[in-house]
Amino acid sequence: MLRLRFSDVGEPSEPGEHRSRFGLVEITRNDLAVWKAFPNAVFTVIQPSPYSNAMISRLGTFEV
């Protein structure tokens, strides 16, 4: 299971596409709100299906 911390994506202040060790990850305003409330939260990374043309991962559930 792939996991990311706030520091793994460069501690972004704005939503959007950010680089991580797993490639590009889409960070939403909700993701940023979780990290603001829980700076040590760790999100799972949801990678796109290998059968799609998508190249950008997104964040899933998190643990605090």
PDB file of N, CA and C in Angstrom:
ATOM      1  N   MET A   1       0.843  -1.166   0.000  1.00  0.00           N
ATOM      2  CA  MET A   1       0.000   0.000   0.000  1.00  0.00           C
ATOM      3  C   MET A   1       0.896   1.238   0.000  1.00  0.00           C
ATOM      4  N   LEU A   2       0.614   2.150  -0.912  1.00  0.00           N
ATOM      5  CA  LEU A   2       1.381   3.381  -1.022  1.00  0.00           C
ATOM      6  C   LEU A   2       0.810   4.424  -0.079  1.00  0.00           C
ATOM      7  N   ARG A   3       1.697   5.148   0.617  1.00  0.00           N
ATOM      8  CA  ARG A   3       1.249   6.140   1.601  1.00  0.00           C
ATOM      9  C   ARG A   3       2.071   7.415   1.468  1.00  0.00           C
ATOM     10  N   LEU A   4       1.432   8.545   1.758  1.00  0.00           N
ATOM     11  CA  LEU A   4       2.117   9.838   1.692  1.00  0.00           C
ATOM     12  C   LEU A   4       1.816  10.688   2.912  1.00  0.00           C
ATOM     13  N   ARG A   5       2.836  11.402   3.342  1.00  0.00           N
ATOM     14  CA  ARG A   5       2.703  12.416   4.381  1.00  0.00           C
ATOM     15  C   ARG A   5       2.736  13.793   3.714  1.00  0.00           C
ATOM     16  N   PHE A   6       2.377  14.804   4.468  1.00  0.00           N
ATOM     17  CA  PHE A   6       2.369  16.180   3.984  1.00  0.00           C
ATOM     18  C   PHE A   6       3.741  16.565   3.429  1.00  0.00           C
ATOM     19  N   SER A   7       4.786  16.192   4.134  1.00  0.00           N
ATOM     20  CA  SER A   7       6.147  16.532   3.692  1.00  0.00           C
ATOM     21  C   SER A   7       6.550  15.799   2.415  1.00  0.00           C
ATOM     22  N   ASP A   8       5.922  14.673   2.118  1.00  0.00           N
ATOM     23  CA  ASP A   8       6.252  13.902   0.911  1.00  0.00           C
ATOM     24  C   ASP A   8       5.824  14.596  -0.377  1.00  0.00           C
ATOM     25  N   VAL A   9       4.922  15.559  -0.269  1.00  0.00           N
ATOM     26  CA  VAL A   9       4.462  16.302  -1.445  1.00  0.00           C
ATOM     27  C   VAL A   9       4.877  17.768  -1.371  1.00  0.00           C
ATOM     28  N   GLY A  10       5.859  18.067  -0.528  1.00  0.00           N
ATOM     29  CA  GLY A  10       6.392  19.417  -0.454  1.00  0.00           C
ATOM     30  C   GLY A  10       5.561  20.398   0.351  1.00  0.00           C
ATOM     31  N   GLU A  11       4.669  19.897   1.218  1.00  0.00           N
ATOM     32  CA  GLU A  11       3.821  20.731   2.070  1.00  0.00           C
ATOM     33  C   GLU A  11       3.121  21.840   1.283  1.00  0.00           C
ATOM     34  N   PRO A  12       2.315  21.475   0.298  1.00  0.00           N
ATOM     35  CA  PRO A  12       1.666  22.487  -0.549  1.00  0.00           C
ATOM     36  C   PRO A  12       0.656  23.335   0.223  1.00  0.00           C
ATOM     37  N   SER A  13       0.480  24.561  -0.226  1.00  0.00           N
ATOM     38  CA  SER A  13      -0.498  25.451   0.395  1.00  0.00           C
ATOM     39  C   SER A  13      -1.748  25.609  -0.479  1.00  0.00           C
ATOM     40  N   GLU A  14      -1.673  25.131  -1.713  1.00  0.00           N
ATOM     41  CA  GLU A  14      -2.786  25.237  -2.657  1.00  0.00           C
ATOM     42  C   GLU A  14      -3.115  23.849  -3.222  1.00  0.00           C
ATOM     43  N   PRO A  15      -4.385  23.598  -3.523  1.00  0.00           N
ATOM     44  CA  PRO A  15      -4.742  22.334  -4.164  1.00  0.00           C
ATOM     45  C   PRO A  15      -4.187  22.292  -5.588  1.00  0.00           C
ATOM     46  N   GLY A  16      -4.101  21.099  -6.124  1.00  0.00           N
ATOM     47  CA  GLY A  16      -3.627  20.933  -7.496  1.00  0.00           C
ATOM     48  C   GLY A  16      -2.787  19.680  -7.622  1.00  0.00           C
ATOM     49  N   GLU A  17      -2.022  19.606  -8.705  1.00  0.00           N
ATOM     50  CA  GLU A  17      -1.154  18.463  -8.963  1.00  0.00           C
ATOM     51  C   GLU A  17       0.220  18.742  -8.362  1.00  0.00           C
ATOM     52  N   HIS A  18       0.689  17.799  -7.549  1.00  0.00           N
ATOM     53  CA  HIS A  18       1.972  17.964  -6.872  1.00  0.00           C
ATOM     54  C   HIS A  18       2.803  16.709  -7.054  1.00  0.00           C
ATOM     55  N   ARG A  19       4.103  16.887  -7.140  1.00  0.00           N
ATOM     56  CA  ARG A  19       5.018  15.758  -7.317  1.00  0.00           C
ATOM     57  C   ARG A  19       5.255  15.039  -5.992  1.00  0.00           C
ATOM     58  N   SER A  20       5.344  13.720  -6.100  1.00  0.00           N
ATOM     59  CA  SER A  20       5.694  12.875  -4.961  1.00  0.00           C
ATOM     60  C   SER A  20       6.600  11.768  -5.476  1.00  0.00           C
ATOM     61  N   ARG A  21       7.053  10.940  -4.587  1.00  0.00           N
ATOM     62  CA  ARG A  21       7.919   9.825  -5.018  1.00  0.00           C
ATOM     63  C   ARG A  21       7.166   8.799  -5.861  1.00  0.00           C
ATOM     64  N   PHE A  22       5.822   8.903  -5.881  1.00  0.00           N
ATOM     65  CA  PHE A  22       5.001   7.996  -6.693  1.00  0.00           C
ATOM     66  C   PHE A  22       4.538   8.649  -7.985  1.00  0.00           C
ATOM     67  N   GLY A  23       5.035   9.837  -8.296  1.00  0.00           N
ATOM     68  CA  GLY A  23       4.611  10.581  -9.472  1.00  0.00           C
ATOM     69  C   GLY A  23       3.672  11.709  -9.071  1.00  0.00           C
ATOM     70  N   LEU A  24       2.906  12.201 -10.025  1.00  0.00           N
ATOM     71  CA  LEU A  24       1.980  13.297  -9.744  1.00  0.00           C
ATOM     72  C   LEU A  24       0.790  12.820  -8.919  1.00  0.00           C
ATOM     73  N   VAL A  25       0.408  13.640  -7.945  1.00  0.00           N
ATOM     74  CA  VAL A  25      -0.730  13.351  -7.071  1.00  0.00           C
ATOM     75  C   VAL A  25      -1.627  14.582  -7.050  1.00  0.00           C
ATOM     76  N   GLU A  26      -2.930  14.366  -7.209  1.00  0.00           N
ATOM     77  CA  GLU A  26      -3.908  15.446  -7.120  1.00  0.00           C
ATOM     78  C   GLU A  26      -4.233  15.686  -5.650  1.00  0.00           C
ATOM     79  N   ILE A  27      -3.986  16.902  -5.178  1.00  0.00           N
ATOM     80  CA  ILE A  27      -4.274  17.290  -3.796  1.00  0.00           C
ATOM     81  C   ILE A  27      -5.489  18.221  -3.823  1.00  0.00           C
ATOM     82  N   THR A  28      -6.518  17.891  -3.057  1.00  0.00           N
ATOM     83  CA  THR A  28      -7.737  18.703  -3.021  1.00  0.00           C
ATOM     84  C   THR A  28      -7.734  19.629  -1.801  1.00  0.00           C
ATOM     85  N   ARG A  29      -8.685  20.553  -1.784  1.00  0.00           N
ATOM     86  CA  ARG A  29      -8.835  21.437  -0.618  1.00  0.00           C
ATOM     87  C   ARG A  29      -9.151  20.622   0.633  1.00  0.00           C
ATOM     88  N   ASN A  30      -9.932  19.565   0.484  1.00  0.00           N
ATOM     89  CA  ASN A  30     -10.256  18.710   1.630  1.00  0.00           C
ATOM     90  C   ASN A  30      -9.015  18.010   2.161  1.00  0.00           C
ATOM     91  N   ASP A  31      -8.147  17.546   1.255  1.00  0.00           N
ATOM     92  CA  ASP A  31      -6.893  16.915   1.689  1.00  0.00           C
ATOM     93  C   ASP A  31      -6.066  17.903   2.506  1.00  0.00           C
ATOM     94  N   LEU A  32      -5.971  19.134   2.005  1.00  0.00           N
ATOM     95  CA  LEU A  32      -5.206  20.166   2.716  1.00  0.00           C
ATOM     96  C   LEU A  32      -5.820  20.486   4.071  1.00  0.00           C
ATOM     97  N   ALA A  33      -7.153  20.475   4.160  1.00  0.00           N
ATOM     98  CA  ALA A  33      -7.823  20.731   5.435  1.00  0.00           C
ATOM     99  C   ALA A  33      -7.484  19.645   6.456  1.00  0.00           C
ATOM    100  N   VAL A  34      -7.421  18.395   5.995  1.00  0.00           N
ATOM    101  CA  VAL A  34      -7.045  17.298   6.898  1.00  0.00           C
ATOM    102  C   VAL A  34      -5.627  17.518   7.401  1.00  0.00           C
ATOM    103  N   TRP A  35      -4.712  17.843   6.492  1.00  0.00           N
ATOM    104  CA  TRP A  35      -3.321  18.054   6.907  1.00  0.00           C
ATOM    105  C   TRP A  35      -3.171  19.271   7.811  1.00  0.00           C
ATOM    106  N   LYS A  36      -4.009  20.280   7.633  1.00  0.00           N
ATOM    107  CA  LYS A  36      -3.943  21.450   8.509  1.00  0.00           C
ATOM    108  C   LYS A  36      -4.381  21.057   9.922  1.00  0.00           C
ATOM    109  N   ALA A  37      -5.439  20.262  10.014  1.00  0.00           N
ATOM    110  CA  ALA A  37      -5.945  19.820  11.314  1.00  0.00           C
ATOM    111  C   ALA A  37      -5.066  18.741  11.944  1.00  0.00           C
ATOM    112  N   PHE A  38      -4.497  17.875  11.104  1.00  0.00           N
ATOM    113  CA  PHE A  38      -3.684  16.748  11.574  1.00  0.00           C
ATOM    114  C   PHE A  38      -2.397  16.687  10.754  1.00  0.00           C
ATOM    115  N   PRO A  39      -1.390  17.489  11.089  1.00  0.00           N
ATOM    116  CA  PRO A  39      -0.175  17.576  10.272  1.00  0.00           C
ATOM    117  C   PRO A  39       0.567  16.249  10.077  1.00  0.00           C
ATOM    118  N   ASN A  40       0.347  15.292  10.959  1.00  0.00           N
ATOM    119  CA  ASN A  40       1.032  14.004  10.835  1.00  0.00           C
ATOM    120  C   ASN A  40       0.187  12.937  10.154  1.00  0.00           C
ATOM    121  N   ALA A  41      -0.958  13.329   9.605  1.00  0.00           N
ATOM    122  CA  ALA A  41      -1.835  12.374   8.923  1.00  0.00           C
ATOM    123  C   ALA A  41      -1.101  11.745   7.736  1.00  0.00           C
ATOM    124  N   VAL A  42      -1.389  10.472   7.510  1.00  0.00           N
ATOM    125  CA  VAL A  42      -0.796   9.730   6.396  1.00  0.00           C
ATOM    126  C   VAL A  42      -1.940   9.242   5.505  1.00  0.00           C
ATOM    127  N   PHE A  43      -1.896   9.640   4.234  1.00  0.00           N
ATOM    128  CA  PHE A  43      -2.917   9.250   3.263  1.00  0.00           C
ATOM    129  C   PHE A  43      -2.471   8.038   2.453  1.00  0.00           C
ATOM    130  N   THR A  44      -3.420   7.211   2.063  1.00  0.00           N
ATOM    131  CA  THR A  44      -3.122   6.177   1.076  1.00  0.00           C
ATOM    132  C   THR A  44      -3.164   6.832  -0.302  1.00  0.00           C
ATOM    133  N   VAL A  45      -2.381   6.303  -1.218  1.00  0.00           N
ATOM    134  CA  VAL A  45      -2.328   6.819  -2.581  1.00  0.00           C
ATOM    135  C   VAL A  45      -3.105   5.866  -3.486  1.00  0.00           C
ATOM    136  N   ILE A  46      -4.040   6.411  -4.224  1.00  0.00           N
ATOM    137  CA  ILE A  46      -4.830   5.610  -5.162  1.00  0.00           C
ATOM    138  C   ILE A  46      -4.293   5.887  -6.555  1.00  0.00           C
ATOM    139  N   GLN A  47      -3.646   4.893  -7.115  1.00  0.00           N
ATOM    140  CA  GLN A  47      -3.083   5.059  -8.449  1.00  0.00           C
ATOM    141  C   GLN A  47      -4.143   4.786  -9.506  1.00  0.00           C
ATOM    142  N   PRO A  48      -4.004   5.444 -10.660  1.00  0.00           N
ATOM    143  CA  PRO A  48      -4.983   5.207 -11.725  1.00  0.00           C
ATOM    144  C   PRO A  48      -4.895   3.771 -12.244  1.00  0.00           C
ATOM    145  N   SER A  49      -5.974   3.311 -12.800  1.00  0.00           N
ATOM    146  CA  SER A  49      -6.015   1.977 -13.385  1.00  0.00           C
ATOM    147  C   SER A  49      -4.995   1.880 -14.514  1.00  0.00           C
ATOM    148  N   PRO A  50      -4.302   0.751 -14.614  1.00  0.00           N
ATOM    149  CA  PRO A  50      -3.363   0.591 -15.726  1.00  0.00           C
ATOM    150  C   PRO A  50      -4.075   0.528 -17.076  1.00  0.00           C
ATOM    151  N   TYR A  51      -5.387   0.379 -17.055  1.00  0.00           N
ATOM    152  CA  TYR A  51      -6.165   0.294 -18.295  1.00  0.00           C
ATOM    153  C   TYR A  51      -6.710   1.648 -18.738  1.00  0.00           C
ATOM    154  N   SER A  52      -6.436   2.694 -17.957  1.00  0.00           N
ATOM    155  CA  SER A  52      -6.907   4.024 -18.332  1.00  0.00           C
ATOM    156  C   SER A  52      -5.734   4.870 -18.828  1.00  0.00           C
ATOM    157  N   ASN A  53      -6.040   5.995 -19.402  1.00  0.00           N
ATOM    158  CA  ASN A  53      -5.003   6.921 -19.854  1.00  0.00           C
ATOM    159  C   ASN A  53      -4.581   7.880 -18.755  1.00  0.00           C
ATOM    160  N   ALA A  54      -5.213   7.804 -17.585  1.00  0.00           N
ATOM    161  CA  ALA A  54      -4.907   8.707 -16.477  1.00  0.00           C
ATOM    162  C   ALA A  54      -3.478   8.470 -15.981  1.00  0.00           C
ATOM    163  N   MET A  55      -2.836   9.553 -15.610  1.00  0.00           N
ATOM    164  CA  MET A  55      -1.453   9.468 -15.129  1.00  0.00           C
ATOM    165  C   MET A  55      -1.297  10.027 -13.713  1.00  0.00           C
ATOM    166  N   ILE A  56      -2.366  10.611 -13.176  1.00  0.00           N
ATOM    167  CA  ILE A  56      -2.271  11.304 -11.896  1.00  0.00           C
ATOM    168  C   ILE A  56      -2.980  10.494 -10.818  1.00  0.00           C
ATOM    169  N   SER A  57      -2.270  10.254  -9.716  1.00  0.00           N
ATOM    170  CA  SER A  57      -2.852   9.543  -8.577  1.00  0.00           C
ATOM    171  C   SER A  57      -3.668  10.520  -7.750  1.00  0.00           C
ATOM    172  N   ARG A  58      -4.438   9.979  -6.815  1.00  0.00           N
ATOM    173  CA  ARG A  58      -5.181  10.823  -5.884  1.00  0.00           C
ATOM    174  C   ARG A  58      -5.037  10.231  -4.491  1.00  0.00           C
ATOM    175  N   LEU A  59      -5.447  10.993  -3.501  1.00  0.00           N
ATOM    176  CA  LEU A  59      -5.335  10.529  -2.130  1.00  0.00           C
ATOM    177  C   LEU A  59      -6.641   9.874  -1.698  1.00  0.00           C
ATOM    178  N   GLY A  60      -6.510   8.827  -0.898  1.00  0.00           N
ATOM    179  CA  GLY A  60      -7.682   8.109  -0.409  1.00  0.00           C
ATOM    180  C   GLY A  60      -7.885   8.349   1.069  1.00  0.00           C
ATOM    181  N   THR A  61      -8.051   7.286   1.816  1.00  0.00           N
ATOM    182  CA  THR A  61      -8.287   7.389   3.250  1.00  0.00           C
ATOM    183  C   THR A  61      -7.006   7.822   3.954  1.00  0.00           C
ATOM    184  N   PHE A  62      -7.172   8.266   5.192  1.00  0.00           N
ATOM    185  CA  PHE A  62      -6.012   8.704   5.952  1.00  0.00           C
ATOM    186  C   PHE A  62      -6.061   8.183   7.373  1.00  0.00           C
ATOM    187  N   GLU A  63      -4.896   8.165   8.003  1.00  0.00           N
ATOM    188  CA  GLU A  63      -4.750   7.794   9.413  1.00  0.00           C
ATOM    189  C   GLU A  63      -4.084   8.960  10.126  1.00  0.00           C
ATOM    190  N   VAL A  64      -4.487   9.194  11.364  1.00  0.00           N
ATOM    191  CA  VAL A  64      -3.864  10.271  12.141  1.00  0.00           C
ATOM    192  C   VAL A  64      -2.959   9.721  13.206  1.00  0.00           C
TER     193      VAL A  64
END
